[in-house]
Amino acid sequence: LYTALPNDARDELLHRELGDASGADDGHWYDDDDNDVLLSGLGQAAPGTEGELFSGAGAEGTFFDLANSVLKRSVHRSSPKGSKLSSLDIPRKRYGDLRTRRNRILQQVISWRLQLPELKRAYLHWKACKTKPDGMDSDADVPISHYDVTLYSFQGIRQEAFPVIPGCSGINEILVSHGAIGATPDSPQVAFTIDFLETYRQLHRVCPRLSLEAVSRALLHLHQRPRKSYLARQLSGAYDAYLDILRSVECDIQVALHRSDIQTQAEYICAPCMYKLENEIPLRPSMLACMDGNNSLKLIDDAFKPGQRRQDGRELRTHRFLEPEEVDRFKDDVANAQAARKAKGRKRSSGHVPDLETPNDDIPWLNMNEMDDGLKEDVNKCVDRWRNAGPEARKKMVELFAVSGIFITLCRHGHVLIMCDMIRSGEL
């Protein structure tokens, strides 16, 4: 107790207990044992003054108090027993991340996949009730542990404390139960509201050019915050997780309605085009569709650029996208059809001798040496501008890319019927 007294209180205590030194020989008896305890306790330096023994300024004591207050500043992230959440009372030393970007993305994909069933269940509960999850009682006397994250939405950007729910296996399950999704699968510091993610999904449907980078900048401008270059990546992680939850819910709905097979799903892509009624009069053509390619999505072949392709075991659970294995079944159809056409033409030509006196002025072909200068110039322009009519050296440019684009097929109502990658080919 004496060691905790400051210097001013120590001086006052010594003056009161020991008195003046001149009264020590007045013939009275004093209890020296009590004085020994007092002097031994006061023999130690007062708190915060340890540095005065070996420093002229005494700043070590101030530094000690400052460092001690920082270390004792706790981050309350506790959880009930049996949960995966952990509590951090003292900040730990951070070490450099030795993983590559490929490994980090792979670990994130695996972690999100393991959490998907719990996230789907929490999302359905929030969607149906939009109330406080089970296990929360705001009027309870027992203090509830919280998890603090920075929450982004169109309404504002704020620091939100989410109460820990007993029985939840992860932090994102708690966030989804409150209508938010974290930017990372484990220990997220940033979260986005589900209403914000759904609003962006609907905006992106009608305006595909609205990117995550654009909406993240607009969100910061809306709330007058400085630009954060990493916010788009954080939004991308939360948005991908949200889409996975929606796809999982949609699969459960299709199974419940007995529409999980591909044939049944194809009939409901566009009801006016593909759903047939009983005794319906057949139309010719039965439906109108269009197909086009896009050369923006390219993947360079490993033979031309050294490196390792990033592992991605995710599969798009939809019949609209054709995997390369399904497309490869038709890889020889064009060559076989051309060979059959040539063989059929040779067979016809061998049994028929054309009449040389028959006029052939209407045949639209000429040799190069039979053209005038103006016609030769027009042909050269056509060769330069029309890719399929270009020289073979330019056509071989597509060999640089393993995937040179994407093919997509739409019905007349704008619904996507089917799509696939352009693998080692261009727009045919």
Protein backbone atom coordinates (compact mmCIF):
# COMPACT_ATOMS: atom_id res chain seq x y z
CA LEU A 1 0.00 0.00 0.00
CA TYR A 2 2.84 2.42 0.83
CA THR A 3 4.53 1.75 -2.50
CA ALA A 4 1.51 3.11 -4.40
CA LEU A 5 1.69 6.56 -2.75
CA PRO A 6 3.05 9.49 -4.78
CA ASN A 7 5.94 11.60 -3.51
CA ASP A 8 3.78 14.38 -2.00
CA ALA A 9 1.71 11.91 0.01
CA ARG A 10 4.87 10.13 1.14
CA ASP A 11 6.36 13.34 2.54
CA GLU A 12 3.18 14.11 4.44
CA LEU A 13 3.02 10.58 5.84
CA LEU A 14 6.65 10.64 7.01
CA HIS A 15 6.17 13.99 8.73
CA ARG A 16 3.03 12.78 10.52
CA GLU A 17 4.27 9.34 11.58
CA LEU A 18 7.91 9.97 12.44
CA GLY A 19 7.60 13.53 13.59
CA ASP A 20 10.58 15.79 14.17
CA ALA A 21 14.00 14.15 14.52
CA SER A 22 14.72 16.17 17.71
CA GLY A 23 12.12 14.18 19.67
CA ALA A 24 13.83 10.87 19.18
CA ASP A 25 15.82 11.13 22.46
CA ASP A 26 13.09 12.43 24.81
CA GLY A 27 13.17 9.26 26.95
CA HIS A 28 9.92 7.72 25.58
CA TRP A 29 9.66 4.29 23.95
CA TYR A 30 8.83 3.96 20.22
CA ASP A 31 7.73 0.87 18.21
CA ASP A 32 10.53 0.50 15.66
CA ASP A 33 8.80 -2.46 13.92
CA ASP A 34 6.06 -0.24 12.50
CA ASN A 35 8.64 2.24 11.35
CA ASP A 36 10.58 -0.53 9.60
CA VAL A 37 7.48 -1.54 7.60
CA LEU A 38 6.80 2.06 6.71
CA LEU A 39 10.35 2.76 5.64
CA SER A 40 10.65 -0.46 3.64
CA GLY A 41 7.49 0.39 1.68
CA LEU A 42 8.57 3.94 1.06
CA GLY A 43 12.03 2.81 0.06
CA GLN A 44 10.75 1.95 -3.42
CA ALA A 45 10.26 4.65 -6.03
CA ALA A 46 6.79 6.06 -6.49
CA PRO A 47 4.82 4.89 -9.55
CA GLY A 48 5.98 6.73 -12.66
CA THR A 49 9.19 8.00 -11.06
CA GLU A 50 11.38 4.97 -11.66
CA GLY A 51 13.25 6.81 -14.39
CA GLU A 52 14.26 9.64 -12.10
CA LEU A 53 16.90 7.41 -10.55
CA PHE A 54 18.87 7.24 -13.79
CA SER A 55 17.53 10.08 -15.97
CA GLY A 56 17.71 13.82 -15.56
CA ALA A 57 14.30 14.47 -17.15
CA GLY A 58 12.29 11.58 -15.78
CA ALA A 59 10.50 10.95 -19.12
CA GLU A 60 10.73 7.18 -18.70
CA GLY A 61 7.84 7.27 -16.26
CA THR A 62 5.62 9.15 -18.71
CA PHE A 63 6.53 6.74 -21.48
CA PHE A 64 5.78 3.81 -19.18
CA ASP A 65 2.29 5.14 -18.41
CA LEU A 66 1.58 5.81 -22.09
CA ALA A 67 2.76 2.37 -23.22
CA ASN A 68 0.85 0.67 -20.43
CA SER A 69 -2.39 2.45 -21.36
CA VAL A 70 -2.00 1.43 -25.02
CA LEU A 71 -1.32 -2.21 -24.22
CA LYS A 72 -4.27 -2.42 -21.86
CA ARG A 73 -6.70 -1.03 -24.43
CA SER A 74 -8.75 -4.13 -25.17
CA VAL A 75 -10.78 -4.95 -28.25
CA HIS A 76 -13.89 -6.72 -27.02
CA ARG A 77 -14.48 -9.51 -29.49
CA SER A 78 -15.35 -12.29 -27.11
CA SER A 79 -17.76 -15.11 -27.84
CA PRO A 80 -19.52 -17.92 -25.98
CA LYS A 81 -17.68 -21.13 -25.31
CA GLY A 82 -17.59 -23.45 -28.30
CA SER A 83 -17.64 -20.67 -30.88
CA LYS A 84 -14.90 -19.99 -33.38
CA LEU A 85 -14.73 -16.33 -32.36
CA SER A 86 -11.74 -15.26 -30.31
CA SER A 87 -11.11 -12.42 -27.86
CA LEU A 88 -8.12 -10.11 -28.11
CA ASP A 89 -7.25 -8.19 -24.94
CA ILE A 90 -3.79 -7.07 -26.08
CA PRO A 91 -2.92 -6.32 -29.72
CA ARG A 92 -0.67 -9.00 -31.11
CA LYS A 93 2.38 -8.47 -33.22
CA ARG A 94 1.59 -8.59 -36.92
CA TYR A 95 3.83 -10.57 -39.21
CA GLY A 96 4.17 -10.27 -42.95
CA ASP A 97 1.92 -12.39 -45.14
CA LEU A 98 4.16 -14.84 -46.99
CA ARG A 99 1.35 -16.23 -49.13
CA THR A 100 1.00 -15.37 -52.81
CA ARG A 101 -2.08 -13.78 -54.30
CA ARG A 102 -3.03 -17.14 -55.79
CA ASN A 103 -2.95 -18.81 -52.38
CA ARG A 104 -4.89 -16.03 -50.69
CA ILE A 105 -7.69 -16.17 -53.24
CA LEU A 106 -7.82 -19.96 -53.06
CA GLN A 107 -8.07 -19.88 -49.26
CA GLN A 108 -10.84 -17.28 -49.44
CA VAL A 109 -12.81 -19.37 -51.92
CA ILE A 110 -12.51 -22.47 -49.72
CA SER A 111 -13.46 -20.54 -46.58
CA TRP A 112 -16.54 -18.99 -48.20
CA ARG A 113 -17.60 -22.40 -49.50
CA LEU A 114 -17.42 -23.94 -46.02
CA GLN A 115 -19.54 -21.14 -44.56
CA LEU A 116 -22.19 -21.17 -47.30
CA PRO A 117 -24.78 -23.43 -45.56
CA GLU A 118 -24.73 -21.32 -42.38
CA LEU A 119 -24.85 -18.08 -44.36
CA LYS A 120 -27.81 -19.29 -46.39
CA ARG A 121 -29.73 -20.26 -43.26
CA ALA A 122 -28.98 -16.90 -41.62
CA TYR A 123 -29.99 -15.05 -44.81
CA LEU A 124 -33.34 -16.83 -45.03
CA HIS A 125 -34.05 -16.07 -41.37
CA TRP A 126 -33.21 -12.40 -41.87
CA LYS A 127 -35.22 -12.24 -45.10
CA ALA A 128 -38.29 -13.77 -43.49
CA CYS A 129 -38.25 -11.92 -40.16
CA LYS A 130 -35.87 -8.95 -40.39
CA THR A 131 -35.97 -8.84 -36.60
CA LYS A 132 -33.45 -9.57 -33.87
CA PRO A 133 -32.14 -13.12 -34.20
CA ASP A 134 -32.83 -15.72 -31.55
CA GLY A 135 -30.59 -15.38 -28.52
CA MET A 136 -30.60 -11.56 -28.48
CA ASP A 137 -32.27 -9.70 -25.63
CA SER A 138 -31.65 -5.98 -25.45
CA ASP A 139 -33.16 -5.77 -21.95
CA ALA A 140 -30.97 -8.47 -20.44
CA ASP A 141 -28.85 -7.52 -17.46
CA VAL A 142 -25.97 -9.74 -18.55
CA PRO A 143 -23.62 -7.77 -20.83
CA ILE A 144 -23.54 -9.10 -24.40
CA SER A 145 -20.27 -9.40 -26.32
CA HIS A 146 -20.01 -7.35 -29.48
CA TYR A 147 -18.08 -7.43 -32.71
CA ASP A 148 -17.21 -4.05 -34.22
CA VAL A 149 -17.02 -3.50 -37.99
CA THR A 150 -17.22 -0.54 -40.35
CA LEU A 151 -20.62 -0.81 -42.07
CA TYR A 152 -21.13 0.65 -45.57
CA SER A 153 -24.55 1.43 -47.01
CA PHE A 154 -26.37 4.14 -48.94
CA GLN A 155 -27.65 5.49 -45.62
CA GLY A 156 -24.19 6.09 -44.21
CA ILE A 157 -20.77 4.78 -43.21
CA ARG A 158 -20.56 4.09 -39.51
CA GLN A 159 -18.91 1.91 -36.90
CA GLU A 160 -21.44 -0.73 -35.91
CA ALA A 161 -21.34 -3.11 -32.94
CA PHE A 162 -23.03 -6.45 -33.72
CA PRO A 163 -24.01 -8.55 -30.69
CA VAL A 164 -22.58 -12.05 -30.67
CA ILE A 165 -25.33 -14.67 -31.04
CA PRO A 166 -24.90 -17.93 -29.11
CA GLY A 167 -24.61 -20.89 -31.44
CA CYS A 168 -23.20 -19.02 -34.44
CA SER A 169 -20.16 -20.68 -35.94
CA GLY A 170 -18.57 -17.61 -37.50
CA ILE A 171 -18.55 -13.85 -37.67
CA ASN A 172 -20.19 -13.62 -41.08
CA GLU A 173 -23.11 -15.70 -39.87
CA ILE A 174 -23.67 -13.06 -37.18
CA LEU A 175 -23.41 -10.27 -39.76
CA VAL A 176 -25.84 -11.95 -42.16
CA SER A 177 -28.30 -12.45 -39.29
CA HIS A 178 -28.25 -8.67 -38.88
CA GLY A 179 -28.52 -7.93 -42.62
CA ALA A 180 -24.86 -7.44 -43.58
CA ILE A 181 -22.02 -9.40 -45.19
CA GLY A 182 -18.33 -9.04 -44.40
CA ALA A 183 -15.70 -8.27 -47.00
CA THR A 184 -13.59 -11.30 -46.02
CA PRO A 185 -14.60 -14.77 -44.83
CA ASP A 186 -12.58 -14.63 -41.60
CA SER A 187 -12.39 -11.70 -39.14
CA PRO A 188 -13.80 -8.99 -41.43
CA GLN A 189 -13.22 -5.37 -40.49
CA VAL A 190 -15.55 -3.99 -43.19
CA ALA A 191 -19.10 -5.08 -44.01
CA PHE A 192 -21.81 -4.05 -46.49
CA THR A 193 -25.54 -4.17 -45.93
CA ILE A 194 -27.53 -6.72 -47.90
CA ASP A 195 -29.91 -3.97 -49.05
CA PHE A 196 -26.95 -2.12 -50.57
CA LEU A 197 -25.72 -5.26 -52.36
CA GLU A 198 -29.20 -6.03 -53.70
CA THR A 199 -29.57 -2.46 -54.96
CA TYR A 200 -26.29 -2.74 -56.84
CA ARG A 201 -27.33 -6.11 -58.28
CA GLN A 202 -30.50 -4.65 -59.77
CA LEU A 203 -28.65 -1.60 -61.09
CA HIS A 204 -26.03 -3.83 -62.69
CA ARG A 205 -28.75 -5.88 -64.40
CA VAL A 206 -30.06 -2.87 -66.30
CA CYS A 207 -26.65 -1.19 -66.67
CA PRO A 208 -23.85 -3.78 -66.95
CA ARG A 209 -21.29 -1.01 -67.36
CA LEU A 210 -21.78 0.02 -63.72
CA SER A 211 -18.72 -1.61 -62.18
CA LEU A 212 -17.82 -2.25 -58.57
CA GLU A 213 -15.14 0.43 -58.79
CA ALA A 214 -17.72 2.97 -59.95
CA VAL A 215 -20.27 2.18 -57.24
CA SER A 216 -17.58 2.19 -54.53
CA ARG A 217 -16.44 5.65 -55.61
CA ALA A 218 -20.03 6.87 -55.75
CA LEU A 219 -20.59 5.57 -52.22
CA LEU A 220 -17.60 7.55 -50.91
CA HIS A 221 -18.68 10.68 -52.80
CA LEU A 222 -22.21 10.33 -51.43
CA HIS A 223 -20.96 10.41 -47.84
CA GLN A 224 -18.11 12.88 -48.52
CA ARG A 225 -15.32 10.48 -47.65
CA PRO A 226 -11.82 10.38 -49.18
CA ARG A 227 -11.14 7.84 -51.89
CA LYS A 228 -10.07 4.36 -50.80
CA SER A 229 -8.56 2.33 -53.61
CA TYR A 230 -9.07 -0.97 -51.77
CA LEU A 231 -12.81 -0.50 -51.19
CA ALA A 232 -13.68 -1.99 -54.61
CA ARG A 233 -11.82 -5.22 -53.74
CA GLN A 234 -13.60 -5.41 -50.40
CA LEU A 235 -16.94 -4.85 -52.11
CA SER A 236 -16.08 -7.55 -54.66
CA GLY A 237 -15.56 -10.15 -51.92
CA ALA A 238 -18.84 -9.33 -50.19
CA TYR A 239 -20.75 -9.20 -53.49
CA ASP A 240 -19.43 -12.59 -54.63
CA ALA A 241 -20.50 -14.11 -51.32
CA TYR A 242 -23.95 -12.55 -51.70
CA LEU A 243 -24.34 -13.98 -55.20
CA ASP A 244 -23.33 -17.43 -53.94
CA ILE A 245 -26.05 -17.21 -51.28
CA LEU A 246 -28.65 -16.24 -53.88
CA ARG A 247 -27.62 -19.09 -56.21
CA SER A 248 -27.84 -21.59 -53.37
CA VAL A 249 -31.32 -20.35 -52.45
CA GLU A 250 -32.39 -20.49 -56.11
CA CYS A 251 -31.20 -24.10 -56.39
CA ASP A 252 -33.29 -25.06 -53.37
CA ILE A 253 -36.33 -23.37 -54.92
CA GLN A 254 -35.87 -25.23 -58.22
CA VAL A 255 -35.59 -28.55 -56.39
CA ALA A 256 -38.76 -27.83 -54.39
CA LEU A 257 -40.65 -26.98 -57.61
CA HIS A 258 -39.26 -30.07 -59.42
CA ARG A 259 -37.49 -27.91 -62.00
CA SER A 260 -33.93 -29.00 -61.32
CA ASP A 261 -33.42 -30.90 -64.61
CA ILE A 262 -31.95 -29.07 -67.59
CA GLN A 263 -34.86 -29.70 -69.94
CA THR A 264 -37.40 -28.17 -67.58
CA GLN A 265 -35.18 -25.18 -66.85
CA ALA A 266 -34.75 -24.53 -70.57
CA GLU A 267 -38.52 -24.26 -70.98
CA TYR A 268 -38.72 -21.50 -68.38
CA ILE A 269 -35.87 -19.33 -69.66
CA CYS A 270 -38.29 -17.38 -71.84
CA ALA A 271 -41.90 -18.48 -71.58
CA PRO A 272 -43.14 -16.69 -74.76
CA CYS A 273 -40.40 -18.30 -76.86
CA MET A 274 -39.90 -21.77 -75.40
CA TYR A 275 -42.95 -22.79 -73.36
CA LYS A 276 -45.34 -24.76 -75.55
CA LEU A 277 -49.04 -25.09 -74.84
CA GLU A 278 -51.22 -28.04 -75.67
CA ASN A 279 -52.59 -28.00 -79.23
CA GLU A 280 -50.50 -24.92 -80.00
CA ILE A 281 -50.14 -24.14 -83.68
CA PRO A 282 -46.47 -24.53 -84.67
CA LEU A 283 -44.79 -21.45 -86.07
CA ARG A 284 -42.13 -21.21 -88.75
CA PRO A 285 -39.65 -20.27 -87.48
CA SER A 286 -40.57 -21.43 -84.01
CA MET A 287 -38.45 -18.71 -82.34
CA LEU A 288 -36.01 -15.95 -83.19
CA ALA A 289 -32.54 -15.83 -81.69
CA CYS A 290 -29.27 -14.02 -82.26
CA MET A 291 -25.66 -14.89 -81.49
CA ASP A 292 -22.59 -12.71 -81.29
CA GLY A 293 -19.09 -12.82 -79.89
CA ASN A 294 -17.06 -10.45 -77.75
CA ASN A 295 -13.28 -10.25 -77.84
CA SER A 296 -12.82 -8.43 -74.53
CA LEU A 297 -12.39 -11.49 -72.29
CA LYS A 298 -9.02 -12.98 -73.26
CA LEU A 299 -6.73 -15.51 -71.62
CA ILE A 300 -3.16 -15.82 -72.92
CA ASP A 301 -1.97 -19.35 -73.57
CA ASP A 302 0.61 -20.74 -71.16
CA ALA A 303 2.86 -21.66 -74.09
CA PHE A 304 3.43 -17.96 -74.92
CA LYS A 305 3.53 -16.50 -71.41
CA PRO A 306 5.28 -18.34 -68.58
CA GLY A 307 3.48 -18.67 -65.29
CA GLN A 308 0.93 -20.72 -63.46
CA ARG A 309 -2.78 -20.46 -63.99
CA ARG A 310 -4.72 -19.66 -60.85
CA GLN A 311 -6.61 -22.63 -59.46
CA ASP A 312 -10.34 -22.11 -59.30
CA GLY A 313 -12.55 -25.06 -58.44
CA ARG A 314 -15.77 -23.05 -58.51
CA GLU A 315 -18.49 -24.10 -60.95
CA LEU A 316 -21.31 -21.94 -62.21
CA ARG A 317 -24.42 -23.90 -61.33
CA THR A 318 -26.45 -23.02 -64.40
CA HIS A 319 -27.28 -24.68 -67.69
CA ARG A 320 -26.78 -21.43 -69.59
CA PHE A 321 -22.98 -21.62 -69.57
CA LEU A 322 -21.37 -24.43 -71.55
CA GLU A 323 -18.17 -25.81 -70.09
CA PRO A 324 -15.22 -26.50 -72.44
CA GLU A 325 -15.80 -30.26 -72.14
CA GLU A 326 -19.33 -29.88 -73.55
CA VAL A 327 -18.16 -27.62 -76.37
CA ASP A 328 -15.35 -30.02 -77.37
CA ARG A 329 -17.92 -32.59 -78.44
CA PHE A 330 -18.59 -30.46 -81.53
CA LYS A 331 -15.00 -29.46 -82.30
CA ASP A 332 -14.81 -31.67 -85.45
CA ASP A 333 -18.27 -30.94 -86.85
CA VAL A 334 -17.15 -28.08 -89.10
CA ALA A 335 -14.14 -29.96 -90.49
CA ASN A 336 -16.22 -33.08 -91.09
CA ALA A 337 -18.95 -31.07 -92.82
CA GLN A 338 -16.42 -29.35 -95.10
CA ALA A 339 -14.77 -32.66 -95.97
CA ALA A 340 -18.15 -34.21 -96.76
CA ARG A 341 -19.09 -31.22 -98.91
CA LYS A 342 -15.84 -31.46 -100.88
CA ALA A 343 -16.23 -35.18 -101.38
CA LYS A 344 -19.78 -34.66 -102.59
CA GLY A 345 -18.62 -31.95 -104.99
CA ARG A 346 -15.88 -34.14 -106.42
CA LYS A 347 -18.37 -36.93 -106.92
CA ARG A 348 -20.69 -34.63 -108.84
CA SER A 349 -17.89 -33.15 -110.94
CA SER A 350 -16.57 -36.55 -111.95
CA GLY A 351 -19.88 -37.53 -113.59
CA HIS A 352 -20.73 -34.20 -115.22
CA VAL A 353 -18.77 -32.47 -118.00
CA PRO A 354 -19.64 -28.76 -118.26
CA ASP A 355 -20.37 -27.21 -121.61
CA LEU A 356 -17.60 -24.77 -122.46
CA GLU A 357 -19.90 -22.75 -124.72
CA THR A 358 -22.35 -22.04 -121.89
CA PRO A 359 -22.26 -18.31 -120.97
CA ASN A 360 -20.83 -17.67 -117.50
CA ASP A 361 -21.04 -13.91 -117.28
CA ASP A 362 -23.19 -14.10 -114.15
CA ILE A 363 -20.55 -16.00 -112.13
CA PRO A 364 -19.29 -13.52 -109.45
CA TRP A 365 -15.59 -14.39 -109.41
CA LEU A 366 -12.49 -13.14 -111.17
CA ASN A 367 -8.81 -13.88 -110.99
CA MET A 368 -6.48 -11.16 -109.79
CA ASN A 369 -4.79 -10.75 -113.16
CA GLU A 370 -8.16 -10.12 -114.82
CA MET A 371 -9.01 -7.08 -112.67
CA ASP A 372 -8.30 -3.45 -113.36
CA ASP A 373 -6.46 -1.22 -110.89
CA GLY A 374 -9.59 0.15 -109.23
CA LEU A 375 -11.04 -3.28 -108.55
CA LYS A 376 -7.72 -4.53 -107.14
CA GLU A 377 -7.65 -1.58 -104.72
CA ASP A 378 -11.18 -2.37 -103.50
CA VAL A 379 -10.26 -6.00 -102.91
CA ASN A 380 -7.20 -4.99 -100.88
CA LYS A 381 -9.35 -2.74 -98.68
CA CYS A 382 -11.75 -5.60 -98.10
CA VAL A 383 -8.88 -7.86 -97.11
CA ASP A 384 -7.55 -5.28 -94.64
CA ARG A 385 -10.88 -4.45 -93.05
CA TRP A 386 -12.63 -7.80 -92.99
CA ARG A 387 -10.86 -10.05 -90.58
CA ASN A 388 -12.07 -13.37 -91.97
CA ALA A 389 -10.82 -12.38 -95.42
CA GLY A 390 -7.39 -11.35 -94.13
CA PRO A 391 -4.14 -13.19 -94.69
CA GLU A 392 -3.37 -16.38 -92.82
CA ALA A 393 -0.60 -14.72 -90.78
CA ARG A 394 -3.14 -12.33 -89.26
CA LYS A 395 -5.63 -15.11 -88.61
CA LYS A 396 -3.00 -16.98 -86.59
CA MET A 397 -2.99 -14.14 -84.07
CA VAL A 398 -5.73 -15.97 -82.15
CA GLU A 399 -3.23 -18.73 -81.37
CA LEU A 400 -1.73 -16.43 -78.74
CA PHE A 401 -4.87 -16.74 -76.63
CA ALA A 402 -6.24 -19.88 -75.06
CA VAL A 403 -9.56 -18.03 -74.65
CA SER A 404 -10.11 -15.13 -77.03
CA GLY A 405 -13.60 -14.06 -76.00
CA ILE A 406 -17.11 -15.26 -75.33
CA PHE A 407 -20.08 -16.31 -77.46
CA ILE A 408 -23.59 -15.50 -76.29
CA THR A 409 -27.03 -16.35 -77.66
CA LEU A 410 -30.14 -14.31 -76.90
CA CYS A 411 -33.80 -14.66 -77.75
CA ARG A 412 -35.83 -11.79 -79.18
CA HIS A 413 -36.93 -10.80 -75.67
CA GLY A 414 -33.35 -10.35 -74.43
CA HIS A 415 -33.07 -13.49 -72.29
CA VAL A 416 -29.71 -15.29 -72.32
CA LEU A 417 -30.20 -18.74 -73.83
CA ILE A 418 -26.66 -20.10 -73.79
CA MET A 419 -23.07 -18.90 -73.78
CA CYS A 420 -19.57 -20.34 -73.96
CA ASP A 421 -15.94 -19.28 -74.21
CA MET A 422 -14.21 -18.79 -77.56
CA ILE A 423 -11.39 -21.29 -77.12
CA ARG A 424 -8.56 -20.96 -79.68
CA SER A 425 -10.83 -19.29 -82.22
CA GLY A 426 -12.18 -15.93 -83.19
CA GLU A 427 -15.60 -14.74 -84.25
CA LEU A 428 -16.64 -17.39 -86.74
